[in-house]
């Protein structure tokens, strides 16, 4: 019988996952493509809001936006790139999320532009919307032999 390689979640794992989220400026978003039924991946600009929940600014013309409008279930992959070494050893966090359009982004626009100043060229175009990517659970790979399952509470998301 093979031993489960996933460890019991620790405070250090929770802290590492929250650090990855706090530092995140880009991520890979996986959606279910309604045209084919296959997963579709996109690299997106992504950061957390004041509550620590991932948010993205997405064009309504993009495949991933149309997919989320039909099926809000998605996945998000964020990583902490290292300066050198094998990328497979760099910490990374995968999340199962439920996406929803943020109808009234409030101060999120200013927060977004502070982190992504080049977004000023398109942030006010009529097809762009902010999306909340609410974590339903996740998986942290913090390096070789350091894998942890995470709940929304582990991520600091109520």
N, C-alpha and C. Protein backbone atom coordinates (compact mmCIF):
# COMPACT_ATOMS: atom_id res chain seq x y z
N UNK A 1 0.83 -1.18 0.00
CA UNK A 1 0.00 0.00 0.00
C UNK A 1 0.88 1.25 0.00
N UNK A 2 0.56 2.19 -0.88
CA UNK A 2 1.35 3.41 -1.00
C UNK A 2 0.87 4.42 0.03
N UNK A 3 1.82 5.00 0.71
CA UNK A 3 1.51 6.02 1.71
C UNK A 3 1.09 7.31 1.02
N UNK A 4 0.07 7.97 1.54
CA UNK A 4 -0.41 9.24 0.98
C UNK A 4 0.70 10.29 1.13
N UNK A 5 1.14 10.89 0.02
CA UNK A 5 2.22 11.88 0.10
C UNK A 5 1.76 13.24 0.63
N UNK A 6 0.46 13.43 0.80
CA UNK A 6 -0.05 14.70 1.28
C UNK A 6 0.05 14.74 2.80
N UNK A 7 0.68 15.80 3.30
CA UNK A 7 0.88 15.94 4.74
C UNK A 7 -0.33 16.60 5.39
N UNK A 8 -0.41 16.48 6.69
CA UNK A 8 -1.41 17.22 7.44
C UNK A 8 -1.08 18.70 7.33
N UNK A 9 -2.11 19.52 7.16
CA UNK A 9 -1.90 20.95 6.98
C UNK A 9 -1.35 21.57 8.25
N UNK A 10 -0.31 22.39 8.09
CA UNK A 10 0.35 23.04 9.21
C UNK A 10 0.19 24.55 9.10
N UNK A 11 0.51 25.25 10.17
CA UNK A 11 0.48 26.71 10.13
C UNK A 11 1.48 27.25 9.11
N UNK A 12 2.61 26.56 8.97
CA UNK A 12 3.61 26.99 7.99
C UNK A 12 3.06 26.86 6.56
N UNK A 13 2.32 25.79 6.30
CA UNK A 13 1.71 25.61 4.98
C UNK A 13 0.67 26.68 4.73
N UNK A 14 -0.15 26.98 5.73
CA UNK A 14 -1.15 28.04 5.59
C UNK A 14 -0.47 29.37 5.30
N UNK A 15 0.58 29.67 6.04
CA UNK A 15 1.31 30.93 5.83
C UNK A 15 1.91 31.00 4.44
N UNK A 16 2.49 29.91 3.97
CA UNK A 16 3.11 29.88 2.64
C UNK A 16 2.05 30.11 1.57
N UNK A 17 0.90 29.46 1.68
CA UNK A 17 -0.17 29.64 0.70
C UNK A 17 -0.64 31.09 0.68
N UNK A 18 -0.80 31.68 1.85
CA UNK A 18 -1.23 33.08 1.92
C UNK A 18 -0.17 34.02 1.35
N UNK A 19 1.10 33.68 1.55
CA UNK A 19 2.19 34.49 0.97
C UNK A 19 2.15 34.42 -0.56
N UNK A 20 1.93 33.25 -1.10
CA UNK A 20 1.85 33.10 -2.56
C UNK A 20 0.70 33.95 -3.09
N UNK A 21 -0.45 33.89 -2.44
CA UNK A 21 -1.60 34.69 -2.88
C UNK A 21 -1.31 36.18 -2.77
N UNK A 22 -0.73 36.60 -1.67
CA UNK A 22 -0.46 38.03 -1.47
C UNK A 22 0.52 38.58 -2.51
N UNK A 23 1.47 37.77 -2.93
CA UNK A 23 2.48 38.21 -3.90
C UNK A 23 2.02 38.04 -5.34
N UNK A 24 0.93 37.32 -5.56
CA UNK A 24 0.47 36.99 -6.91
C UNK A 24 0.12 38.24 -7.71
N UNK A 25 0.64 38.31 -8.92
CA UNK A 25 0.28 39.35 -9.88
C UNK A 25 -0.22 38.74 -11.19
N UNK A 26 0.11 37.47 -11.40
CA UNK A 26 -0.33 36.69 -12.56
C UNK A 26 -0.62 35.27 -12.10
N UNK A 27 -1.44 34.58 -12.85
CA UNK A 27 -1.75 33.19 -12.54
C UNK A 27 -2.22 32.51 -13.82
N UNK A 28 -2.36 31.22 -13.76
CA UNK A 28 -2.94 30.46 -14.86
C UNK A 28 -4.36 30.09 -14.44
N UNK A 29 -5.32 30.45 -15.29
CA UNK A 29 -6.73 30.18 -15.05
C UNK A 29 -7.16 29.02 -15.94
N UNK A 30 -7.80 28.03 -15.36
CA UNK A 30 -8.35 26.90 -16.12
C UNK A 30 -9.86 26.97 -16.04
N UNK A 31 -10.50 26.91 -17.20
CA UNK A 31 -11.96 26.93 -17.30
C UNK A 31 -12.40 25.75 -18.15
N UNK A 32 -13.70 25.49 -18.15
CA UNK A 32 -14.27 24.45 -19.00
C UNK A 32 -14.77 25.11 -20.28
N UNK A 33 -14.12 24.84 -21.39
CA UNK A 33 -14.48 25.46 -22.67
C UNK A 33 -15.85 24.94 -23.11
N UNK A 34 -16.86 25.83 -23.21
CA UNK A 34 -18.19 25.35 -23.56
C UNK A 34 -18.29 24.81 -24.99
N UNK A 35 -17.39 25.23 -25.86
CA UNK A 35 -17.45 24.77 -27.25
C UNK A 35 -16.95 23.34 -27.41
N UNK A 36 -15.99 22.94 -26.57
CA UNK A 36 -15.39 21.62 -26.73
C UNK A 36 -15.57 20.71 -25.52
N UNK A 37 -15.83 21.31 -24.36
CA UNK A 37 -15.91 20.53 -23.13
C UNK A 37 -14.56 20.24 -22.51
N UNK A 38 -13.51 20.62 -23.20
CA UNK A 38 -12.15 20.40 -22.70
C UNK A 38 -11.72 21.57 -21.84
N UNK A 39 -10.75 21.34 -20.96
CA UNK A 39 -10.19 22.45 -20.19
C UNK A 39 -9.50 23.45 -21.12
N UNK A 40 -9.57 24.70 -20.75
CA UNK A 40 -8.89 25.78 -21.48
C UNK A 40 -8.06 26.55 -20.46
N UNK A 41 -6.81 26.81 -20.78
CA UNK A 41 -5.91 27.52 -19.88
C UNK A 41 -5.57 28.89 -20.44
N UNK A 42 -5.49 29.87 -19.54
CA UNK A 42 -5.08 31.22 -19.91
C UNK A 42 -4.20 31.78 -18.81
N UNK A 43 -3.16 32.48 -19.21
CA UNK A 43 -2.37 33.23 -18.23
C UNK A 43 -3.06 34.58 -18.07
N UNK A 44 -3.38 34.94 -16.83
CA UNK A 44 -4.13 36.17 -16.58
C UNK A 44 -3.43 37.01 -15.52
N UNK A 45 -3.73 38.30 -15.52
CA UNK A 45 -3.33 39.16 -14.41
C UNK A 45 -4.29 38.87 -13.27
N UNK A 46 -3.75 38.69 -12.08
CA UNK A 46 -4.56 38.29 -10.94
C UNK A 46 -3.89 38.77 -9.67
N UNK A 47 -4.68 39.23 -8.74
CA UNK A 47 -4.16 39.63 -7.43
C UNK A 47 -5.28 39.43 -6.42
N UNK A 48 -4.97 39.61 -5.15
CA UNK A 48 -6.01 39.47 -4.14
C UNK A 48 -6.61 40.83 -3.82
N UNK A 49 -7.88 40.81 -3.40
CA UNK A 49 -8.53 42.03 -2.96
C UNK A 49 -8.18 42.28 -1.49
N UNK A 50 -8.78 43.27 -0.89
CA UNK A 50 -8.48 43.62 0.50
C UNK A 50 -8.80 42.49 1.47
N UNK A 51 -9.72 41.58 1.08
CA UNK A 51 -10.09 40.45 1.93
C UNK A 51 -9.23 39.21 1.68
N UNK A 52 -8.29 39.31 0.73
CA UNK A 52 -7.42 38.17 0.42
C UNK A 52 -7.99 37.20 -0.60
N UNK A 53 -9.07 37.59 -1.28
CA UNK A 53 -9.70 36.74 -2.30
C UNK A 53 -9.11 37.09 -3.66
N UNK A 54 -8.71 36.11 -4.46
CA UNK A 54 -8.20 36.41 -5.79
C UNK A 54 -9.24 37.11 -6.66
N UNK A 55 -8.78 38.11 -7.42
CA UNK A 55 -9.61 38.81 -8.39
C UNK A 55 -8.83 38.93 -9.69
N UNK A 56 -9.58 39.01 -10.79
CA UNK A 56 -8.96 39.15 -12.11
C UNK A 56 -9.75 40.18 -12.89
N UNK A 57 -9.06 40.87 -13.77
CA UNK A 57 -9.69 41.80 -14.71
C UNK A 57 -9.68 41.10 -16.06
N UNK A 58 -10.88 40.75 -16.57
CA UNK A 58 -10.97 39.93 -17.77
C UNK A 58 -11.81 40.60 -18.84
N UNK A 59 -11.41 40.43 -20.08
CA UNK A 59 -12.18 40.91 -21.21
C UNK A 59 -13.32 39.95 -21.50
N UNK A 60 -14.49 40.52 -21.75
CA UNK A 60 -15.64 39.70 -22.11
C UNK A 60 -15.48 39.02 -23.45
N UNK A 61 -14.51 39.43 -24.25
CA UNK A 61 -14.26 38.83 -25.55
C UNK A 61 -13.43 37.55 -25.45
N UNK A 62 -12.81 37.33 -24.29
CA UNK A 62 -11.92 36.19 -24.12
C UNK A 62 -12.70 34.90 -23.89
N UNK A 63 -12.13 33.80 -24.34
CA UNK A 63 -12.74 32.48 -24.16
C UNK A 63 -13.01 32.23 -22.68
N UNK A 64 -12.05 32.58 -21.83
CA UNK A 64 -12.23 32.26 -20.41
C UNK A 64 -13.39 33.03 -19.79
N UNK A 65 -13.66 34.26 -20.23
CA UNK A 65 -14.79 35.02 -19.69
C UNK A 65 -16.12 34.40 -20.12
N UNK A 66 -16.20 34.02 -21.37
CA UNK A 66 -17.43 33.38 -21.85
C UNK A 66 -17.65 32.04 -21.16
N UNK A 67 -16.57 31.31 -20.93
CA UNK A 67 -16.68 30.03 -20.24
C UNK A 67 -17.16 30.23 -18.80
N UNK A 68 -16.59 31.21 -18.11
CA UNK A 68 -17.00 31.47 -16.72
C UNK A 68 -18.45 31.92 -16.62
N UNK A 69 -18.90 32.66 -17.63
CA UNK A 69 -20.30 33.10 -17.63
C UNK A 69 -21.25 31.92 -17.69
N UNK A 70 -20.84 30.84 -18.34
CA UNK A 70 -21.68 29.65 -18.46
C UNK A 70 -21.46 28.62 -17.36
N UNK A 71 -20.26 28.60 -16.82
CA UNK A 71 -19.90 27.63 -15.78
C UNK A 71 -18.87 28.30 -14.88
N UNK A 72 -19.26 28.74 -13.69
CA UNK A 72 -18.35 29.51 -12.84
C UNK A 72 -17.26 28.69 -12.16
N UNK A 73 -17.28 27.37 -12.35
CA UNK A 73 -16.23 26.54 -11.75
C UNK A 73 -14.94 26.69 -12.55
N UNK A 74 -13.84 26.91 -11.84
CA UNK A 74 -12.56 27.09 -12.50
C UNK A 74 -11.45 26.68 -11.54
N UNK A 75 -10.23 26.75 -12.04
CA UNK A 75 -9.06 26.49 -11.22
C UNK A 75 -8.04 27.59 -11.49
N UNK A 76 -7.23 27.85 -10.49
CA UNK A 76 -6.22 28.90 -10.58
C UNK A 76 -4.91 28.32 -10.09
N UNK A 77 -3.83 28.60 -10.81
CA UNK A 77 -2.49 28.15 -10.41
C UNK A 77 -1.60 29.37 -10.25
N UNK A 78 -1.06 29.54 -9.05
CA UNK A 78 -0.12 30.63 -8.76
C UNK A 78 1.17 30.01 -8.25
N UNK A 79 2.28 30.65 -8.55
CA UNK A 79 3.56 30.12 -8.10
C UNK A 79 4.46 31.23 -7.61
N UNK A 80 5.46 30.82 -6.85
CA UNK A 80 6.50 31.73 -6.41
C UNK A 80 7.76 31.37 -7.19
N UNK A 81 8.07 32.14 -8.25
CA UNK A 81 9.25 31.78 -9.05
C UNK A 81 10.53 32.00 -8.26
N UNK A 82 11.45 31.08 -8.44
CA UNK A 82 12.76 31.23 -7.82
C UNK A 82 13.71 31.96 -8.75
N UNK A 83 14.83 32.40 -8.19
CA UNK A 83 15.84 33.09 -9.00
C UNK A 83 16.62 32.10 -9.87
N UNK A 84 16.70 30.87 -9.40
CA UNK A 84 17.43 29.85 -10.15
C UNK A 84 16.94 28.49 -9.71
N UNK A 85 17.48 27.47 -10.31
CA UNK A 85 17.11 26.12 -9.93
C UNK A 85 15.97 25.57 -10.75
N UNK A 86 15.52 24.42 -10.37
CA UNK A 86 14.49 23.68 -11.08
C UNK A 86 13.11 24.25 -10.77
N UNK A 87 12.37 24.75 -11.78
CA UNK A 87 11.03 25.29 -11.52
C UNK A 87 10.09 24.29 -10.86
N UNK A 88 10.34 23.00 -11.01
CA UNK A 88 9.48 22.00 -10.39
C UNK A 88 9.64 21.98 -8.86
N UNK A 89 10.65 22.65 -8.34
CA UNK A 89 10.83 22.72 -6.89
C UNK A 89 10.31 24.03 -6.31
N UNK A 90 9.88 24.96 -7.15
CA UNK A 90 9.36 26.23 -6.67
C UNK A 90 7.97 26.04 -6.06
N UNK A 91 7.67 26.72 -4.97
CA UNK A 91 6.34 26.60 -4.37
C UNK A 91 5.24 27.04 -5.34
N UNK A 92 4.13 26.29 -5.31
CA UNK A 92 2.99 26.63 -6.16
C UNK A 92 1.70 26.23 -5.46
N UNK A 93 0.66 26.96 -5.81
CA UNK A 93 -0.63 26.81 -5.17
C UNK A 93 -1.68 26.65 -6.25
N UNK A 94 -2.44 25.58 -6.20
CA UNK A 94 -3.57 25.41 -7.12
C UNK A 94 -4.85 25.49 -6.30
N UNK A 95 -5.81 26.23 -6.85
CA UNK A 95 -7.07 26.47 -6.16
C UNK A 95 -8.23 26.05 -7.04
N UNK A 96 -9.25 25.48 -6.43
CA UNK A 96 -10.53 25.31 -7.09
C UNK A 96 -11.32 26.55 -6.69
N UNK A 97 -11.86 27.27 -7.67
CA UNK A 97 -12.53 28.53 -7.40
C UNK A 97 -13.91 28.55 -8.04
N UNK A 98 -14.74 29.43 -7.51
CA UNK A 98 -16.01 29.76 -8.13
C UNK A 98 -15.95 31.22 -8.51
N UNK A 99 -16.17 31.50 -9.78
CA UNK A 99 -16.00 32.86 -10.31
C UNK A 99 -17.34 33.60 -10.34
N UNK A 100 -17.27 34.89 -10.07
CA UNK A 100 -18.45 35.75 -10.22
C UNK A 100 -18.00 37.16 -10.58
N UNK A 101 -18.79 37.81 -11.42
CA UNK A 101 -18.50 39.20 -11.80
C UNK A 101 -18.71 40.09 -10.58
N UNK A 102 -17.81 41.04 -10.40
CA UNK A 102 -17.94 42.02 -9.32
C UNK A 102 -18.70 43.21 -9.90
N UNK A 103 -19.94 43.35 -9.52
CA UNK A 103 -20.80 44.38 -10.10
C UNK A 103 -20.35 45.79 -9.73
N UNK A 104 -19.89 45.97 -8.52
CA UNK A 104 -19.47 47.30 -8.04
C UNK A 104 -18.06 47.17 -7.46
N UNK A 105 -17.03 47.36 -8.30
CA UNK A 105 -15.67 47.11 -7.84
C UNK A 105 -15.13 48.12 -6.83
N UNK A 106 -15.79 49.27 -6.65
CA UNK A 106 -15.34 50.24 -5.65
C UNK A 106 -13.88 50.61 -5.79
N UNK A 107 -13.14 50.48 -4.71
CA UNK A 107 -11.73 50.88 -4.70
C UNK A 107 -10.82 49.86 -5.38
N UNK A 108 -11.39 48.76 -5.84
CA UNK A 108 -10.58 47.72 -6.48
C UNK A 108 -9.86 48.26 -7.71
N UNK A 109 -10.48 49.18 -8.44
CA UNK A 109 -9.86 49.75 -9.64
C UNK A 109 -8.52 50.40 -9.29
N UNK A 110 -8.50 51.23 -8.25
CA UNK A 110 -7.25 51.91 -7.85
C UNK A 110 -6.21 50.91 -7.38
N UNK A 111 -6.65 49.94 -6.61
CA UNK A 111 -5.74 48.90 -6.11
C UNK A 111 -5.14 48.12 -7.29
N UNK A 112 -6.00 47.85 -8.29
CA UNK A 112 -5.55 47.11 -9.47
C UNK A 112 -4.48 47.91 -10.23
N UNK A 113 -4.76 49.17 -10.48
CA UNK A 113 -3.82 50.00 -11.24
C UNK A 113 -2.49 50.20 -10.51
N UNK A 114 -2.52 50.19 -9.19
CA UNK A 114 -1.27 50.29 -8.44
C UNK A 114 -0.37 49.08 -8.71
N UNK A 115 -0.98 47.91 -8.84
CA UNK A 115 -0.21 46.69 -9.09
C UNK A 115 0.03 46.43 -10.57
N UNK A 116 -0.89 46.94 -11.43
CA UNK A 116 -0.81 46.69 -12.87
C UNK A 116 -1.00 48.03 -13.61
N UNK A 117 -0.02 48.93 -13.54
CA UNK A 117 -0.20 50.26 -14.12
C UNK A 117 -0.49 50.27 -15.63
N UNK A 118 -0.01 49.28 -16.36
CA UNK A 118 -0.26 49.24 -17.80
C UNK A 118 -1.71 48.92 -18.13
N UNK A 119 -2.47 48.46 -17.14
CA UNK A 119 -3.89 48.18 -17.35
C UNK A 119 -4.68 49.46 -17.57
N UNK A 120 -4.08 50.61 -17.31
CA UNK A 120 -4.77 51.89 -17.54
C UNK A 120 -5.20 52.03 -18.99
N UNK A 121 -4.52 51.35 -19.90
CA UNK A 121 -4.85 51.43 -21.33
C UNK A 121 -6.16 50.73 -21.68
N UNK A 122 -6.63 49.79 -20.82
CA UNK A 122 -7.83 49.03 -21.18
C UNK A 122 -8.83 48.85 -20.05
N UNK A 123 -8.50 49.24 -18.84
CA UNK A 123 -9.36 48.95 -17.69
C UNK A 123 -10.77 49.53 -17.83
N UNK A 124 -10.91 50.64 -18.55
CA UNK A 124 -12.22 51.28 -18.69
C UNK A 124 -12.95 50.92 -19.99
N UNK A 125 -12.39 50.01 -20.78
CA UNK A 125 -13.08 49.57 -21.98
C UNK A 125 -14.35 48.82 -21.56
N UNK A 126 -15.41 48.92 -22.35
CA UNK A 126 -16.71 48.39 -21.92
C UNK A 126 -16.79 46.87 -21.75
N UNK A 127 -15.87 46.12 -22.34
CA UNK A 127 -15.95 44.66 -22.22
C UNK A 127 -15.17 44.12 -21.03
N UNK A 128 -14.44 44.97 -20.31
CA UNK A 128 -13.64 44.48 -19.18
C UNK A 128 -14.44 44.51 -17.89
N UNK A 129 -14.32 43.42 -17.14
CA UNK A 129 -15.00 43.27 -15.85
C UNK A 129 -14.04 42.66 -14.85
N UNK A 130 -14.23 43.04 -13.59
CA UNK A 130 -13.52 42.37 -12.51
C UNK A 130 -14.30 41.12 -12.12
N UNK A 131 -13.57 40.06 -11.88
CA UNK A 131 -14.15 38.79 -11.45
C UNK A 131 -13.54 38.39 -10.12
N UNK A 132 -14.38 37.96 -9.20
CA UNK A 132 -13.93 37.38 -7.93
C UNK A 132 -13.78 35.88 -8.15
N UNK A 133 -12.65 35.34 -7.71
CA UNK A 133 -12.35 33.91 -7.87
C UNK A 133 -12.29 33.30 -6.46
N UNK A 134 -13.45 32.99 -5.93
CA UNK A 134 -13.57 32.57 -4.54
C UNK A 134 -13.09 31.14 -4.35
N UNK A 135 -12.03 30.95 -3.55
CA UNK A 135 -11.51 29.60 -3.34
C UNK A 135 -12.50 28.69 -2.63
N UNK A 136 -12.62 27.47 -3.16
CA UNK A 136 -13.43 26.43 -2.55
C UNK A 136 -12.54 25.38 -1.88
N UNK A 137 -11.27 25.41 -2.21
CA UNK A 137 -10.28 24.48 -1.68
C UNK A 137 -9.02 24.63 -2.49
N UNK A 138 -7.97 23.99 -2.04
CA UNK A 138 -6.72 24.13 -2.77
C UNK A 138 -5.71 23.07 -2.41
N UNK A 139 -4.57 23.20 -3.07
CA UNK A 139 -3.48 22.27 -2.90
C UNK A 139 -2.17 23.06 -3.00
N UNK A 140 -1.36 22.97 -1.98
CA UNK A 140 -0.06 23.63 -1.95
C UNK A 140 1.03 22.60 -2.14
N UNK A 141 1.88 22.84 -3.13
CA UNK A 141 3.10 22.08 -3.28
C UNK A 141 4.21 23.05 -2.91
N UNK A 142 4.74 22.88 -1.70
CA UNK A 142 5.75 23.81 -1.18
C UNK A 142 7.17 23.32 -1.44
N UNK A 143 7.32 22.31 -2.26
CA UNK A 143 8.63 21.76 -2.58
C UNK A 143 8.58 20.24 -2.46
N UNK A 144 9.70 19.61 -2.69
CA UNK A 144 9.77 18.15 -2.68
C UNK A 144 9.30 17.61 -1.33
N UNK A 145 8.29 16.73 -1.37
CA UNK A 145 7.79 16.10 -0.15
C UNK A 145 6.99 17.02 0.74
N UNK A 146 6.52 18.15 0.20
CA UNK A 146 5.79 19.12 1.02
C UNK A 146 4.48 19.49 0.32
N UNK A 147 3.52 18.58 0.35
CA UNK A 147 2.24 18.79 -0.30
C UNK A 147 1.14 18.85 0.77
N UNK A 148 0.21 19.81 0.60
CA UNK A 148 -0.83 20.03 1.60
C UNK A 148 -2.16 20.36 0.92
N UNK A 149 -3.25 19.77 1.42
CA UNK A 149 -4.59 20.17 1.01
C UNK A 149 -5.00 21.35 1.88
N UNK A 150 -5.73 22.30 1.27
CA UNK A 150 -6.12 23.51 1.99
C UNK A 150 -7.61 23.76 1.86
N UNK A 151 -8.20 24.22 2.92
CA UNK A 151 -9.60 24.63 2.90
C UNK A 151 -9.66 26.15 2.70
N UNK A 152 -10.83 26.70 2.41
CA UNK A 152 -10.92 28.17 2.35
C UNK A 152 -10.45 28.84 3.65
N UNK A 153 -10.76 28.22 4.78
CA UNK A 153 -10.32 28.79 6.06
C UNK A 153 -8.79 28.77 6.16
N UNK A 154 -8.14 27.73 5.65
CA UNK A 154 -6.68 27.68 5.66
C UNK A 154 -6.08 28.84 4.87
N UNK A 155 -6.81 29.28 3.84
CA UNK A 155 -6.34 30.36 2.98
C UNK A 155 -6.71 31.74 3.53
N UNK A 156 -7.45 31.75 4.64
CA UNK A 156 -7.87 33.01 5.23
C UNK A 156 -9.10 33.59 4.57
N UNK A 157 -9.85 32.73 3.87
CA UNK A 157 -11.06 33.16 3.17
C UNK A 157 -12.25 32.54 3.87
N UNK A 158 -13.17 33.38 4.31
CA UNK A 158 -14.35 32.86 5.02
C UNK A 158 -15.36 32.33 4.04
